[in-house]
Structure formats: C-alpha cells, structure tokens
Amino acid sequence: MQNLEAGKRIKCLREARNYTREALAEKADISAKFLYEIEVGKKGFSAETLSRIANALSVSCDFIMFGTDSPDKNFDNAVGVLNKFDSNQMERILNILEMIYDLKN
C-alpha cells in the first residue's frame, strides 16, 4: 500500500516524538532506508508494516492512513499487542481468549 499522505503523517509523528528515523525504524523493526522511502512516498508498505509503525508511534493505523482515529481504538491497540507474539505464543493466546470469552457467556 502506498500513500504519500500517510508517509507525511508518519514523518510528522516521528518528529513530534523527537525520534530519529533510525530510532523509529528500530522500534518498528524495519530499516531506516525503508522508513525514509515510506516517508517520502517512494515505497508502499504492507498492513503488517503499518501496524508496527503505528504501534511504535502509539497511534492507530487509521490515523496514519486517513488522519483520523478509528472508532474502535481498542481494536488497533489489541492488534498492536498481538503482533508482538510469535506464532507459537499466538496459538496459546488465542486459546486463552476463547476460554475467557466462554467464561463470559
């Protein structure tokens, strides 16, 4: 997905938080060169990369893409947290969430 406006928002958010390009790239687990290319609109990015950048900047994916917050910011936050786990951990977490849901009902 390529979006020049999203790249500009990422750069503004990064600068507002006093992150160097290298610091944000490290937090988002991408290269500083790739982050630069996103910021200037030379490269697109996947939904996974968008999620990692949004998580590193503590904003919603919707805010980066559209300049507005998601009506359900908790969803974006949950996705950001879940993206931190590897596939083995994720399977256990999903089982735990299913058990919690079943207890609720």
PDB file of N, CA and C in Angstrom:
ATOM      1  N   MET A   1       0.846  -1.153   0.000  1.00  0.00           N
ATOM      2  CA  MET A   1       0.000   0.000   0.000  1.00  0.00           C
ATOM      3  C   MET A   1       0.904   1.232   0.000  1.00  0.00           C
ATOM      4  N   GLN A   2       0.650   2.139  -0.899  1.00  0.00           N
ATOM      5  CA  GLN A   2       1.469   3.336  -0.999  1.00  0.00           C
ATOM      6  C   GLN A   2       0.581   4.557  -0.807  1.00  0.00           C
ATOM      7  N   ASN A   3       1.027   5.466   0.053  1.00  0.00           N
ATOM      8  CA  ASN A   3       0.216   6.625   0.347  1.00  0.00           C
ATOM      9  C   ASN A   3       1.140   7.742   0.800  1.00  0.00           C
ATOM     10  N   LEU A   4       1.305   8.763  -0.051  1.00  0.00           N
ATOM     11  CA  LEU A   4       2.196   9.869   0.269  1.00  0.00           C
ATOM     12  C   LEU A   4       1.752  10.591   1.534  1.00  0.00           C
ATOM     13  N   GLU A   5       0.443  10.785   1.694  1.00  0.00           N
ATOM     14  CA  GLU A   5      -0.057  11.473   2.888  1.00  0.00           C
ATOM     15  C   GLU A   5       0.252  10.672   4.153  1.00  0.00           C
ATOM     16  N   ALA A   6       0.149   9.355   4.074  1.00  0.00           N
ATOM     17  CA  ALA A   6       0.482   8.512   5.231  1.00  0.00           C
ATOM     18  C   ALA A   6       1.954   8.680   5.574  1.00  0.00           C
ATOM     19  N   GLY A   7       2.804   8.716   4.577  1.00  0.00           N
ATOM     20  CA  GLY A   7       4.235   8.915   4.806  1.00  0.00           C
ATOM     21  C   GLY A   7       4.508  10.252   5.484  1.00  0.00           C
ATOM     22  N   LYS A   8       3.808  11.287   5.043  1.00  0.00           N
ATOM     23  CA  LYS A   8       3.970  12.609   5.663  1.00  0.00           C
ATOM     24  C   LYS A   8       3.517  12.578   7.122  1.00  0.00           C
ATOM     25  N   ARG A   9       2.393  11.889   7.396  1.00  0.00           N
ATOM     26  CA  ARG A   9       1.921  11.795   8.781  1.00  0.00           C
ATOM     27  C   ARG A   9       2.925  11.041   9.649  1.00  0.00           C
ATOM     28  N   ILE A  10       3.491   9.962   9.101  1.00  0.00           N
ATOM     29  CA  ILE A  10       4.495   9.193   9.857  1.00  0.00           C
ATOM     30  C   ILE A  10       5.677  10.094  10.203  1.00  0.00           C
ATOM     31  N   LYS A  11       6.148  10.857   9.226  1.00  0.00           N
ATOM     32  CA  LYS A  11       7.281  11.756   9.471  1.00  0.00           C
ATOM     33  C   LYS A  11       6.935  12.803  10.526  1.00  0.00           C
ATOM     34  N   CYS A  12       5.755  13.401  10.427  1.00  0.00           N
ATOM     35  CA  CYS A  12       5.338  14.414  11.415  1.00  0.00           C
ATOM     36  C   CYS A  12       5.234  13.816  12.817  1.00  0.00           C
ATOM     37  N   LEU A  13       4.645  12.628  12.907  1.00  0.00           N
ATOM     38  CA  LEU A  13       4.527  11.967  14.211  1.00  0.00           C
ATOM     39  C   LEU A  13       5.906  11.629  14.774  1.00  0.00           C
ATOM     40  N   ARG A  14       6.777  11.137  13.913  1.00  0.00           N
ATOM     41  CA  ARG A  14       8.139  10.790  14.341  1.00  0.00           C
ATOM     42  C   ARG A  14       8.852  12.021  14.888  1.00  0.00           C
ATOM     43  N   GLU A  15       8.775  13.117  14.155  1.00  0.00           N
ATOM     44  CA  GLU A  15       9.443  14.346  14.580  1.00  0.00           C
ATOM     45  C   GLU A  15       8.806  14.916  15.846  1.00  0.00           C
ATOM     46  N   ALA A  16       7.477  14.823  15.971  1.00  0.00           N
ATOM     47  CA  ALA A  16       6.791  15.320  17.168  1.00  0.00           C
ATOM     48  C   ALA A  16       7.220  14.552  18.416  1.00  0.00           C
ATOM     49  N   ARG A  17       7.612  13.304  18.234  1.00  0.00           N
ATOM     50  CA  ARG A  17       8.061  12.480  19.360  1.00  0.00           C
ATOM     51  C   ARG A  17       9.577  12.520  19.535  1.00  0.00           C
ATOM     52  N   ASN A  18      10.219  13.359  18.734  1.00  0.00           N
ATOM     53  CA  ASN A  18      11.685  13.505  18.777  1.00  0.00           C
ATOM     54  C   ASN A  18      12.417  12.192  18.530  1.00  0.00           C
ATOM     55  N   TYR A  19      11.846  11.349  17.650  1.00  0.00           N
ATOM     56  CA  TYR A  19      12.513  10.115  17.247  1.00  0.00           C
ATOM     57  C   TYR A  19      13.365  10.401  16.017  1.00  0.00           C
ATOM     58  N   THR A  20      14.554   9.877  16.009  1.00  0.00           N
ATOM     59  CA  THR A  20      15.309   9.888  14.760  1.00  0.00           C
ATOM     60  C   THR A  20      14.677   8.847  13.851  1.00  0.00           C
ATOM     61  N   ARG A  21      14.986   8.930  12.589  1.00  0.00           N
ATOM     62  CA  ARG A  21      14.473   7.923  11.656  1.00  0.00           C
ATOM     63  C   ARG A  21      14.978   6.537  12.072  1.00  0.00           C
ATOM     64  N   GLU A  22      16.236   6.482  12.511  1.00  0.00           N
ATOM     65  CA  GLU A  22      16.826   5.208  12.924  1.00  0.00           C
ATOM     66  C   GLU A  22      16.123   4.643  14.159  1.00  0.00           C
ATOM     67  N   ALA A  23      15.776   5.511  15.104  1.00  0.00           N
ATOM     68  CA  ALA A  23      15.115   5.053  16.337  1.00  0.00           C
ATOM     69  C   ALA A  23      13.727   4.486  16.032  1.00  0.00           C
ATOM     70  N   LEU A  24      12.958   5.193  15.208  1.00  0.00           N
ATOM     71  CA  LEU A  24      11.627   4.695  14.864  1.00  0.00           C
ATOM     72  C   LEU A  24      11.728   3.410  14.053  1.00  0.00           C
ATOM     73  N   ALA A  25      12.646   3.365  13.115  1.00  0.00           N
ATOM     74  CA  ALA A  25      12.823   2.158  12.297  1.00  0.00           C
ATOM     75  C   ALA A  25      13.142   0.961  13.187  1.00  0.00           C
ATOM     76  N   GLU A  26      13.981   1.168  14.177  1.00  0.00           N
ATOM     77  CA  GLU A  26      14.321   0.072  15.089  1.00  0.00           C
ATOM     78  C   GLU A  26      13.097  -0.377  15.884  1.00  0.00           C
ATOM     79  N   LYS A  27      12.318   0.586  16.389  1.00  0.00           N
ATOM     80  CA  LYS A  27      11.106   0.248  17.147  1.00  0.00           C
ATOM     81  C   LYS A  27      10.094  -0.507  16.283  1.00  0.00           C
ATOM     82  N   ALA A  28      10.041  -0.170  14.996  1.00  0.00           N
ATOM     83  CA  ALA A  28       9.083  -0.794  14.083  1.00  0.00           C
ATOM     84  C   ALA A  28       9.672  -2.021  13.376  1.00  0.00           C
ATOM     85  N   ASP A  29      10.923  -2.312  13.647  1.00  0.00           N
ATOM     86  CA  ASP A  29      11.603  -3.471  13.052  1.00  0.00           C
ATOM     87  C   ASP A  29      11.643  -3.405  11.523  1.00  0.00           C
ATOM     88  N   ILE A  30      12.002  -2.217  11.017  1.00  0.00           N
ATOM     89  CA  ILE A  30      12.235  -2.032   9.584  1.00  0.00           C
ATOM     90  C   ILE A  30      13.542  -1.257   9.439  1.00  0.00           C
ATOM     91  N   SER A  31      14.061  -1.165   8.236  1.00  0.00           N
ATOM     92  CA  SER A  31      15.309  -0.424   8.041  1.00  0.00           C
ATOM     93  C   SER A  31      15.026   1.075   7.985  1.00  0.00           C
ATOM     94  N   ALA A  32      16.013   1.866   8.367  1.00  0.00           N
ATOM     95  CA  ALA A  32      15.875   3.322   8.302  1.00  0.00           C
ATOM     96  C   ALA A  32      15.685   3.772   6.849  1.00  0.00           C
ATOM     97  N   LYS A  33      16.349   3.086   5.916  1.00  0.00           N
ATOM     98  CA  LYS A  33      16.197   3.431   4.499  1.00  0.00           C
ATOM     99  C   LYS A  33      14.762   3.190   4.042  1.00  0.00           C
ATOM    100  N   PHE A  34      14.176   2.063   4.443  1.00  0.00           N
ATOM    101  CA  PHE A  34      12.794   1.769   4.083  1.00  0.00           C
ATOM    102  C   PHE A  34      11.851   2.808   4.691  1.00  0.00           C
ATOM    103  N   LEU A  35      12.082   3.191   5.949  1.00  0.00           N
ATOM    104  CA  LEU A  35      11.257   4.216   6.594  1.00  0.00           C
ATOM    105  C   LEU A  35      11.348   5.526   5.830  1.00  0.00           C
ATOM    106  N   TYR A  36      12.547   5.912   5.420  1.00  0.00           N
ATOM    107  CA  TYR A  36      12.723   7.129   4.629  1.00  0.00           C
ATOM    108  C   TYR A  36      11.889   7.045   3.346  1.00  0.00           C
ATOM    109  N   GLU A  37      11.969   5.892   2.661  1.00  0.00           N
ATOM    110  CA  GLU A  37      11.238   5.725   1.405  1.00  0.00           C
ATOM    111  C   GLU A  37       9.727   5.786   1.616  1.00  0.00           C
ATOM    112  N   ILE A  38       9.263   5.296   2.765  1.00  0.00           N
ATOM    113  CA  ILE A  38       7.841   5.413   3.102  1.00  0.00           C
ATOM    114  C   ILE A  38       7.482   6.877   3.343  1.00  0.00           C
ATOM    115  N   GLU A  39       8.310   7.566   4.126  1.00  0.00           N
ATOM    116  CA  GLU A  39       8.020   8.962   4.478  1.00  0.00           C
ATOM    117  C   GLU A  39       7.950   9.874   3.262  1.00  0.00           C
ATOM    118  N   VAL A  40       8.768   9.618   2.261  1.00  0.00           N
ATOM    119  CA  VAL A  40       8.765  10.489   1.074  1.00  0.00           C
ATOM    120  C   VAL A  40       7.886   9.949  -0.048  1.00  0.00           C
ATOM    121  N   GLY A  41       7.198   8.829   0.188  1.00  0.00           N
ATOM    122  CA  GLY A  41       6.264   8.291  -0.783  1.00  0.00           C
ATOM    123  C   GLY A  41       6.888   7.481  -1.904  1.00  0.00           C
ATOM    124  N   LYS A  42       8.149   7.079  -1.749  1.00  0.00           N
ATOM    125  CA  LYS A  42       8.800   6.279  -2.790  1.00  0.00           C
ATOM    126  C   LYS A  42       8.405   4.809  -2.724  1.00  0.00           C
ATOM    127  N   LYS A  43       8.051   4.336  -1.527  1.00  0.00           N
ATOM    128  CA  LYS A  43       7.716   2.926  -1.350  1.00  0.00           C
ATOM    129  C   LYS A  43       6.388   2.796  -0.638  1.00  0.00           C
ATOM    130  N   GLY A  44       5.684   1.743  -0.968  1.00  0.00           N
ATOM    131  CA  GLY A  44       4.478   1.382  -0.251  1.00  0.00           C
ATOM    132  C   GLY A  44       4.842   0.484   0.924  1.00  0.00           C
ATOM    133  N   PHE A  45       3.832   0.050   1.656  1.00  0.00           N
ATOM    134  CA  PHE A  45       4.091  -0.791   2.820  1.00  0.00           C
ATOM    135  C   PHE A  45       2.898  -1.697   3.054  1.00  0.00           C
ATOM    136  N   SER A  46       3.184  -2.814   3.701  1.00  0.00           N
ATOM    137  CA  SER A  46       2.136  -3.799   3.983  1.00  0.00           C
ATOM    138  C   SER A  46       1.325  -3.377   5.210  1.00  0.00           C
ATOM    139  N   ALA A  47       0.219  -4.063   5.407  1.00  0.00           N
ATOM    140  CA  ALA A  47      -0.606  -3.826   6.594  1.00  0.00           C
ATOM    141  C   ALA A  47       0.193  -4.159   7.852  1.00  0.00           C
ATOM    142  N   GLU A  48       1.022  -5.187   7.784  1.00  0.00           N
ATOM    143  CA  GLU A  48       1.848  -5.558   8.940  1.00  0.00           C
ATOM    144  C   GLU A  48       2.837  -4.453   9.278  1.00  0.00           C
ATOM    145  N   THR A  49       3.480  -3.891   8.262  1.00  0.00           N
ATOM    146  CA  THR A  49       4.419  -2.788   8.491  1.00  0.00           C
ATOM    147  C   THR A  49       3.677  -1.581   9.040  1.00  0.00           C
ATOM    148  N   LEU A  50       2.514  -1.281   8.494  1.00  0.00           N
ATOM    149  CA  LEU A  50       1.692  -0.176   9.000  1.00  0.00           C
ATOM    150  C   LEU A  50       1.395  -0.382  10.477  1.00  0.00           C
ATOM    151  N   SER A  51       1.009  -1.582  10.845  1.00  0.00           N
ATOM    152  CA  SER A  51       0.686  -1.882  12.239  1.00  0.00           C
ATOM    153  C   SER A  51       1.897  -1.687  13.143  1.00  0.00           C
ATOM    154  N   ARG A  52       3.072  -2.131  12.695  1.00  0.00           N
ATOM    155  CA  ARG A  52       4.285  -1.984  13.518  1.00  0.00           C
ATOM    156  C   ARG A  52       4.663  -0.514  13.680  1.00  0.00           C
ATOM    157  N   ILE A  53       4.531   0.262  12.604  1.00  0.00           N
ATOM    158  CA  ILE A  53       4.844   1.694  12.691  1.00  0.00           C
ATOM    159  C   ILE A  53       3.841   2.391  13.606  1.00  0.00           C
ATOM    160  N   ALA A  54       2.558   2.091  13.441  1.00  0.00           N
ATOM    161  CA  ALA A  54       1.523   2.704  14.288  1.00  0.00           C
ATOM    162  C   ALA A  54       1.761   2.359  15.750  1.00  0.00           C
ATOM    163  N   ASN A  55       2.092   1.114  16.022  1.00  0.00           N
ATOM    164  CA  ASN A  55       2.363   0.687  17.391  1.00  0.00           C
ATOM    165  C   ASN A  55       3.579   1.437  17.953  1.00  0.00           C
ATOM    166  N   ALA A  56       4.623   1.565  17.158  1.00  0.00           N
ATOM    167  CA  ALA A  56       5.836   2.262  17.601  1.00  0.00           C
ATOM    168  C   ALA A  56       5.565   3.737  17.881  1.00  0.00           C
ATOM    169  N   LEU A  57       4.602   4.307  17.161  1.00  0.00           N
ATOM    170  CA  LEU A  57       4.250   5.723  17.346  1.00  0.00           C
ATOM    171  C   LEU A  57       3.078   5.921  18.315  1.00  0.00           C
ATOM    172  N   SER A  58       2.499   4.827  18.792  1.00  0.00           N
ATOM    173  CA  SER A  58       1.352   4.869  19.716  1.00  0.00           C
ATOM    174  C   SER A  58       0.149   5.603  19.121  1.00  0.00           C
ATOM    175  N   VAL A  59      -0.135   5.302  17.861  1.00  0.00           N
ATOM    176  CA  VAL A  59      -1.325   5.844  17.197  1.00  0.00           C
ATOM    177  C   VAL A  59      -2.041   4.709  16.495  1.00  0.00           C
ATOM    178  N   SER A  60      -3.249   4.967  16.029  1.00  0.00           N
ATOM    179  CA  SER A  60      -3.995   3.949  15.292  1.00  0.00           C
ATOM    180  C   SER A  60      -3.514   3.896  13.847  1.00  0.00           C
ATOM    181  N   CYS A  61      -3.741   2.766  13.224  1.00  0.00           N
ATOM    182  CA  CYS A  61      -3.457   2.624  11.796  1.00  0.00           C
ATOM    183  C   CYS A  61      -4.307   3.600  10.994  1.00  0.00           C
ATOM    184  N   ASP A  62      -5.565   3.771  11.414  1.00  0.00           N
ATOM    185  CA  ASP A  62      -6.451   4.718  10.738  1.00  0.00           C
ATOM    186  C   ASP A  62      -5.874   6.125  10.751  1.00  0.00           C
ATOM    187  N   PHE A  63      -5.276   6.519  11.871  1.00  0.00           N
ATOM    188  CA  PHE A  63      -4.724   7.867  11.937  1.00  0.00           C
ATOM    189  C   PHE A  63      -3.604   8.035  10.916  1.00  0.00           C
ATOM    190  N   ILE A  64      -2.740   7.037  10.806  1.00  0.00           N
ATOM    191  CA  ILE A  64      -1.652   7.134   9.830  1.00  0.00           C
ATOM    192  C   ILE A  64      -2.212   7.171   8.409  1.00  0.00           C
ATOM    193  N   MET A  65      -3.164   6.321   8.114  1.00  0.00           N
ATOM    194  CA  MET A  65      -3.683   6.233   6.748  1.00  0.00           C
ATOM    195  C   MET A  65      -4.604   7.380   6.367  1.00  0.00           C
ATOM    196  N   PHE A  66      -5.461   7.802   7.299  1.00  0.00           N
ATOM    197  CA  PHE A  66      -6.521   8.751   6.944  1.00  0.00           C
ATOM    198  C   PHE A  66      -6.512  10.058   7.729  1.00  0.00           C
ATOM    199  N   GLY A  67      -5.670  10.138   8.750  1.00  0.00           N
ATOM    200  CA  GLY A  67      -5.611  11.352   9.550  1.00  0.00           C
ATOM    201  C   GLY A  67      -6.690  11.440  10.606  1.00  0.00           C
ATOM    202  N   THR A  68      -7.448  10.351  10.784  1.00  0.00           N
ATOM    203  CA  THR A  68      -8.487  10.304  11.805  1.00  0.00           C
ATOM    204  C   THR A  68      -8.323   9.031  12.608  1.00  0.00           C
ATOM    205  N   ASP A  69      -8.822   9.039  13.816  1.00  0.00           N
ATOM    206  CA  ASP A  69      -8.746   7.847  14.651  1.00  0.00           C
ATOM    207  C   ASP A  69      -9.871   6.888  14.318  1.00  0.00           C
ATOM    208  N   SER A  70      -9.582   5.630  14.541  1.00  0.00           N
ATOM    209  CA  SER A  70     -10.570   4.577  14.359  1.00  0.00           C
ATOM    210  C   SER A  70     -11.665   4.739  15.403  1.00  0.00           C
ATOM    211  N   PRO A  71     -12.892   4.433  15.056  1.00  0.00           N
ATOM    212  CA  PRO A  71     -13.945   4.495  16.065  1.00  0.00           C
ATOM    213  C   PRO A  71     -13.702   3.479  17.184  1.00  0.00           C
ATOM    214  N   ASP A  72     -12.961   2.432  16.903  1.00  0.00           N
ATOM    215  CA  ASP A  72     -12.654   1.436  17.923  1.00  0.00           C
ATOM    216  C   ASP A  72     -11.146   1.344  18.097  1.00  0.00           C
ATOM    217  N   LYS A  73     -10.602   2.297  18.824  1.00  0.00           N
ATOM    218  CA  LYS A  73      -9.153   2.353  19.038  1.00  0.00           C
ATOM    219  C   LYS A  73      -8.664   1.124  19.794  1.00  0.00           C
ATOM    220  N   ASN A  74      -9.523   0.514  20.613  1.00  0.00           N
ATOM    221  CA  ASN A  74      -9.125  -0.690  21.341  1.00  0.00           C
ATOM    222  C   ASN A  74      -8.744  -1.811  20.384  1.00  0.00           C
ATOM    223  N   PHE A  75      -9.424  -1.883  19.252  1.00  0.00           N
ATOM    224  CA  PHE A  75      -9.100  -2.910  18.265  1.00  0.00           C
ATOM    225  C   PHE A  75      -7.680  -2.716  17.752  1.00  0.00           C
ATOM    226  N   ASP A  76      -7.334  -1.486  17.373  1.00  0.00           N
ATOM    227  CA  ASP A  76      -5.982  -1.203  16.887  1.00  0.00           C
ATOM    228  C   ASP A  76      -4.945  -1.510  17.962  1.00  0.00           C
ATOM    229  N   ASN A  77      -5.258  -1.151  19.207  1.00  0.00           N
ATOM    230  CA  ASN A  77      -4.324  -1.428  20.299  1.00  0.00           C
ATOM    231  C   ASN A  77      -4.138  -2.930  20.492  1.00  0.00           C
ATOM    232  N   ALA A  78      -5.228  -3.675  20.421  1.00  0.00           N
ATOM    233  CA  ALA A  78      -5.147  -5.128  20.590  1.00  0.00           C
ATOM    234  C   ALA A  78      -4.324  -5.759  19.469  1.00  0.00           C
ATOM    235  N   VAL A  79      -4.532  -5.309  18.248  1.00  0.00           N
ATOM    236  CA  VAL A  79      -3.752  -5.832  17.119  1.00  0.00           C
ATOM    237  C   VAL A  79      -2.275  -5.522  17.318  1.00  0.00           C
ATOM    238  N   GLY A  80      -1.966  -4.330  17.778  1.00  0.00           N
ATOM    239  CA  GLY A  80      -0.573  -3.963  18.033  1.00  0.00           C
ATOM    240  C   GLY A  80       0.079  -4.863  19.060  1.00  0.00           C
ATOM    241  N   VAL A  81      -0.646  -5.167  20.126  1.00  0.00           N
ATOM    242  CA  VAL A  81      -0.111  -6.056  21.162  1.00  0.00           C
ATOM    243  C   VAL A  81       0.049  -7.469  20.622  1.00  0.00           C
ATOM    244  N   LEU A  82      -0.958  -7.964  19.922  1.00  0.00           N
ATOM    245  CA  LEU A  82      -0.911  -9.332  19.398  1.00  0.00           C
ATOM    246  C   LEU A  82       0.219  -9.519  18.385  1.00  0.00           C
ATOM    247  N   ASN A  83       0.557  -8.474  17.653  1.00  0.00           N
ATOM    248  CA  ASN A  83       1.644  -8.569  16.676  1.00  0.00           C
ATOM    249  C   ASN A  83       3.013  -8.762  17.319  1.00  0.00           C
ATOM    250  N   LYS A  84       3.100  -8.571  18.620  1.00  0.00           N
ATOM    251  CA  LYS A  84       4.373  -8.739  19.320  1.00  0.00           C
ATOM    252  C   LYS A  84       4.705 -10.210  19.586  1.00  0.00           C
ATOM    253  N   PHE A  85       3.733 -11.103  19.437  1.00  0.00           N
ATOM    254  CA  PHE A  85       3.917 -12.507  19.776  1.00  0.00           C
ATOM    255  C   PHE A  85       4.274 -13.340  18.548  1.00  0.00           C
ATOM    256  N   ASP A  86       5.076 -14.397  18.782  1.00  0.00           N
ATOM    257  CA  ASP A  86       5.379 -15.311  17.677  1.00  0.00           C
ATOM    258  C   ASP A  86       4.225 -16.292  17.499  1.00  0.00           C
ATOM    259  N   SER A  87       4.290 -17.119  16.465  1.00  0.00           N
ATOM    260  CA  SER A  87       3.146 -17.979  16.128  1.00  0.00           C
ATOM    261  C   SER A  87       2.825 -18.998  17.215  1.00  0.00           C
ATOM    262  N   ASN A  88       3.845 -19.543  17.905  1.00  0.00           N
ATOM    263  CA  ASN A  88       3.579 -20.493  18.994  1.00  0.00           C
ATOM    264  C   ASN A  88       2.853 -19.807  20.148  1.00  0.00           C
ATOM    265  N   GLN A  89       3.308 -18.634  20.510  1.00  0.00           N
ATOM    266  CA  GLN A  89       2.666 -17.883  21.584  1.00  0.00           C
ATOM    267  C   GLN A  89       1.246 -17.484  21.178  1.00  0.00           C
ATOM    268  N   MET A  90       1.086 -17.123  19.922  1.00  0.00           N
ATOM    269  CA  MET A  90      -0.210 -16.658  19.441  1.00  0.00           C
ATOM    270  C   MET A  90      -1.262 -17.750  19.568  1.00  0.00           C
ATOM    271  N   GLU A  91      -0.906 -18.981  19.275  1.00  0.00           N
ATOM    272  CA  GLU A  91      -1.860 -20.083  19.397  1.00  0.00           C
ATOM    273  C   GLU A  91      -2.351 -20.209  20.841  1.00  0.00           C
ATOM    274  N   ARG A  92      -1.433 -20.110  21.797  1.00  0.00           N
ATOM    275  CA  ARG A  92      -1.819 -20.180  23.212  1.00  0.00           C
ATOM    276  C   ARG A  92      -2.687 -18.992  23.609  1.00  0.00           C
ATOM    277  N   ILE A  93      -2.325 -17.821  23.136  1.00  0.00           N
ATOM    278  CA  ILE A  93      -3.094 -16.615  23.468  1.00  0.00           C
ATOM    279  C   ILE A  93      -4.521 -16.729  22.921  1.00  0.00           C
ATOM    280  N   LEU A  94      -4.660 -17.207  21.700  1.00  0.00           N
ATOM    281  CA  LEU A  94      -5.997 -17.367  21.124  1.00  0.00           C
ATOM    282  C   LEU A  94      -6.829 -18.364  21.930  1.00  0.00           C
ATOM    283  N   ASN A  95      -6.191 -19.432  22.400  1.00  0.00           N
ATOM    284  CA  ASN A  95      -6.903 -20.394  23.247  1.00  0.00           C
ATOM    285  C   ASN A  95      -7.356 -19.743  24.552  1.00  0.00           C
ATOM    286  N   ILE A  96      -6.497 -18.933  25.143  1.00  0.00           N
ATOM    287  CA  ILE A  96      -6.838 -18.236  26.389  1.00  0.00           C
ATOM    288  C   ILE A  96      -7.995 -17.270  26.146  1.00  0.00           C
ATOM    289  N   LEU A  97      -7.938 -16.539  25.058  1.00  0.00           N
ATOM    290  CA  LEU A  97      -9.016 -15.596  24.742  1.00  0.00           C
ATOM    291  C   LEU A  97     -10.347 -16.323  24.530  1.00  0.00           C
ATOM    292  N   GLU A  98     -10.303 -17.477  23.874  1.00  0.00           N
ATOM    293  CA  GLU A  98     -11.517 -18.279  23.693  1.00  0.00           C
ATOM    294  C   GLU A  98     -12.081 -18.707  25.050  1.00  0.00           C
ATOM    295  N   MET A  99     -11.200 -19.125  25.973  1.00  0.00           N
ATOM    296  CA  MET A  99     -11.655 -19.534  27.304  1.00  0.00           C
ATOM    297  C   MET A  99     -12.278 -18.364  28.053  1.00  0.00           C
ATOM    298  N   ILE A 100     -11.684 -17.198  27.945  1.00  0.00           N
ATOM    299  CA  ILE A 100     -12.226 -16.000  28.595  1.00  0.00           C
ATOM    300  C   ILE A 100     -13.592 -15.674  28.014  1.00  0.00           C
ATOM    301  N   TYR A 101     -13.716 -15.760  26.702  1.00  0.00           N
ATOM    302  CA  TYR A 101     -14.996 -15.500  26.051  1.00  0.00           C
ATOM    303  C   TYR A 101     -16.060 -16.486  26.526  1.00  0.00           C
ATOM    304  N   ASP A 102     -15.670 -17.768  26.599  1.00  0.00           N
ATOM    305  CA  ASP A 102     -16.620 -18.789  27.054  1.00  0.00           C
ATOM    306  C   ASP A 102     -17.054 -18.554  28.501  1.00  0.00           C
ATOM    307  N   LEU A 103     -16.150 -18.094  29.345  1.00  0.00           N
ATOM    308  CA  LEU A 103     -16.497 -17.799  30.743  1.00  0.00           C
ATOM    309  C   LEU A 103     -17.504 -16.663  30.836  1.00  0.00           C
ATOM    310  N   LYS A 104     -17.362 -15.706  29.948  1.00  0.00           N
ATOM    311  CA  LYS A 104     -18.248 -14.546  29.914  1.00  0.00           C
ATOM    312  C   LYS A 104     -19.679 -14.954  29.598  1.00  0.00           C
ATOM    313  N   ASN A 105     -19.836 -15.988  28.789  1.00  0.00           N
ATOM    314  CA  ASN A 105     -21.171 -16.393  28.329  1.00  0.00           C
ATOM    315  C   ASN A 105     -21.705 -17.445  29.203  1.00  0.00           C
TER     316      ASN A 105
END
